[in-house]
C-alpha atoms as a PDB file:
ATOM      1  CA  MET A   1     -10.448 -11.352 -25.976  1.00  0.00           C
ATOM      2  CA  ALA A   2      -9.152 -12.952 -22.809  1.00  0.00           C
ATOM      3  CA  ASP A   3     -10.623 -12.364 -19.378  1.00  0.00           C
ATOM      4  CA  PHE A   4      -9.638  -9.187 -17.586  1.00  0.00           C
ATOM      5  CA  ASP A   5     -10.198  -7.678 -14.152  1.00  0.00           C
ATOM      6  CA  GLN A   6     -10.545  -4.015 -15.043  1.00  0.00           C
ATOM      7  CA  GLU A   7     -11.171  -1.944 -18.146  1.00  0.00           C
ATOM      8  CA  LEU A   8      -9.732   1.451 -18.992  1.00  0.00           C
ATOM      9  CA  ASP A   9     -11.210   3.402 -21.894  1.00  0.00           C
ATOM     10  CA  ALA A  10      -8.567   5.875 -23.065  1.00  0.00           C
ATOM     11  CA  SER A  11     -10.317   6.620 -26.373  1.00  0.00           C
ATOM     12  CA  GLY A  12      -9.695  10.140 -27.645  1.00  0.00           C
ATOM     13  CA  LEU A  13      -6.664  10.623 -25.413  1.00  0.00           C
ATOM     14  CA  ASN A  14      -3.244  11.252 -26.903  1.00  0.00           C
ATOM     15  CA  CYS A  15       0.178  10.242 -25.641  1.00  0.00           C
ATOM     16  CA  PRO A  16       1.145  10.173 -22.824  1.00  0.00           C
ATOM     17  CA  LEU A  17      -2.333  10.153 -21.245  1.00  0.00           C
ATOM     18  CA  PRO A  18      -3.262   6.518 -22.049  1.00  0.00           C
ATOM     19  CA  ILE A  19      -0.018   5.349 -20.419  1.00  0.00           C
ATOM     20  CA  LEU A  20      -0.478   7.585 -17.376  1.00  0.00           C
ATOM     21  CA  ARG A  21      -4.061   6.387 -16.882  1.00  0.00           C
ATOM     22  CA  ALA A  22      -2.949   2.764 -17.314  1.00  0.00           C
ATOM     23  CA  LYS A  23      -0.206   3.268 -14.731  1.00  0.00           C
ATOM     24  CA  LYS A  24      -2.779   4.597 -12.265  1.00  0.00           C
ATOM     25  CA  SER A  25      -5.204   1.729 -12.947  1.00  0.00           C
ATOM     26  CA  LEU A  26      -2.474  -0.906 -12.632  1.00  0.00           C
ATOM     27  CA  ALA A  27      -1.454   0.564  -9.278  1.00  0.00           C
ATOM     28  CA  GLY A  28      -4.887  -0.405  -7.945  1.00  0.00           C
ATOM     29  CA  LEU A  29      -4.645  -3.993  -9.180  1.00  0.00           C
ATOM     30  CA  GLU A  30      -2.996  -6.962  -7.515  1.00  0.00           C
ATOM     31  CA  ALA A  31      -0.177  -8.983  -9.109  1.00  0.00           C
ATOM     32  CA  GLY A  32      -1.538 -11.331 -11.769  1.00  0.00           C
ATOM     33  CA  GLN A  33      -4.642  -9.242 -12.464  1.00  0.00           C
ATOM     34  CA  VAL A  34      -5.267  -8.041 -16.000  1.00  0.00           C
ATOM     35  CA  LEU A  35      -6.076  -4.539 -17.261  1.00  0.00           C
ATOM     36  CA  HIS A  36      -7.849  -4.108 -20.621  1.00  0.00           C
ATOM     37  CA  ILE A  37      -7.054  -0.756 -22.240  1.00  0.00           C
ATOM     38  CA  ILE A  38      -8.915   0.730 -25.198  1.00  0.00           C
ATOM     39  CA  ALA A  39      -7.122   3.547 -27.022  1.00  0.00           C
ATOM     40  CA  THR A  40      -7.506   5.450 -30.300  1.00  0.00           C
ATOM     41  CA  ASP A  41      -3.988   6.925 -30.516  1.00  0.00           C
ATOM     42  CA  PRO A  42      -1.941   4.871 -33.044  1.00  0.00           C
ATOM     43  CA  GLY A  43       1.187   5.809 -31.096  1.00  0.00           C
ATOM     44  CA  SER A  44      -0.134   3.872 -28.117  1.00  0.00           C
ATOM     45  CA  VAL A  45       0.920   0.558 -29.731  1.00  0.00           C
ATOM     46  CA  LYS A  46       4.627   1.370 -29.366  1.00  0.00           C
ATOM     47  CA  ASP A  47       3.992   3.199 -26.091  1.00  0.00           C
ATOM     48  CA  PHE A  48       2.442   0.165 -24.408  1.00  0.00           C
ATOM     49  CA  GLU A  49       5.183  -2.158 -25.695  1.00  0.00           C
ATOM     50  CA  ALA A  50       7.801   0.140 -24.168  1.00  0.00           C
ATOM     51  CA  PHE A  51       5.725   0.613 -20.998  1.00  0.00           C
ATOM     52  CA  ALA A  52       5.496  -3.155 -20.455  1.00  0.00           C
ATOM     53  CA  LYS A  53       9.251  -3.584 -20.933  1.00  0.00           C
ATOM     54  CA  GLN A  54      10.084  -0.710 -18.572  1.00  0.00           C
ATOM     55  CA  THR A  55       7.665  -1.739 -15.823  1.00  0.00           C
ATOM     56  CA  GLY A  56       8.037  -5.517 -16.052  1.00  0.00           C
ATOM     57  CA  ASN A  57       4.306  -5.953 -16.575  1.00  0.00           C
ATOM     58  CA  GLU A  58       3.278  -8.420 -19.293  1.00  0.00           C
ATOM     59  CA  LEU A  59       1.675  -7.151 -22.498  1.00  0.00           C
ATOM     60  CA  MET A  60      -0.515 -10.182 -23.178  1.00  0.00           C
ATOM     61  CA  GLU A  61      -2.351  -8.827 -26.191  1.00  0.00           C
ATOM     62  CA  SER A  62      -2.155  -5.884 -28.561  1.00  0.00           C
ATOM     63  CA  LYS A  63      -4.588  -5.600 -31.454  1.00  0.00           C
ATOM     64  CA  GLU A  64      -6.528  -3.153 -33.562  1.00  0.00           C
ATOM     65  CA  GLU A  65     -10.239  -3.483 -34.157  1.00  0.00           C
ATOM     66  CA  GLY A  66     -12.330  -0.918 -35.986  1.00  0.00           C
ATOM     67  CA  GLY A  67      -9.889   1.927 -35.475  1.00  0.00           C
ATOM     68  CA  LYS A  68      -9.499   1.195 -31.782  1.00  0.00           C
ATOM     69  CA  PHE A  69      -6.485  -0.379 -30.166  1.00  0.00           C
ATOM     70  CA  HIS A  70      -6.931  -2.990 -27.471  1.00  0.00           C
ATOM     71  CA  PHE A  71      -4.254  -3.962 -24.964  1.00  0.00           C
ATOM     72  CA  LEU A  72      -4.216  -6.535 -22.200  1.00  0.00           C
ATOM     73  CA  ILE A  73      -1.582  -5.949 -19.550  1.00  0.00           C
ATOM     74  CA  LYS A  74      -0.999  -8.381 -16.706  1.00  0.00           C
ATOM     75  CA  LYS A  75       0.380  -6.799 -13.559  1.00  0.00           C
ATOM     76  CA  ALA A  76       3.710  -8.230 -12.481  1.00  0.00           C
END
């Protein structure tokens, strides 16, 4: 896992809550900073891919570990 500036635990939340929380967290970060998101909703994998494309933020990492999904998003 790469370095990150802030962590967001969205475990137990279903779409679209993980995305909405991530949006809010990213708003508080500066360009180039990285947000680590933990989610349990399998739909969040596609959601975060689409979110990164739509917002221009970089999805640096997307992986599953022990039933949890981990995402690293770098703010554009």
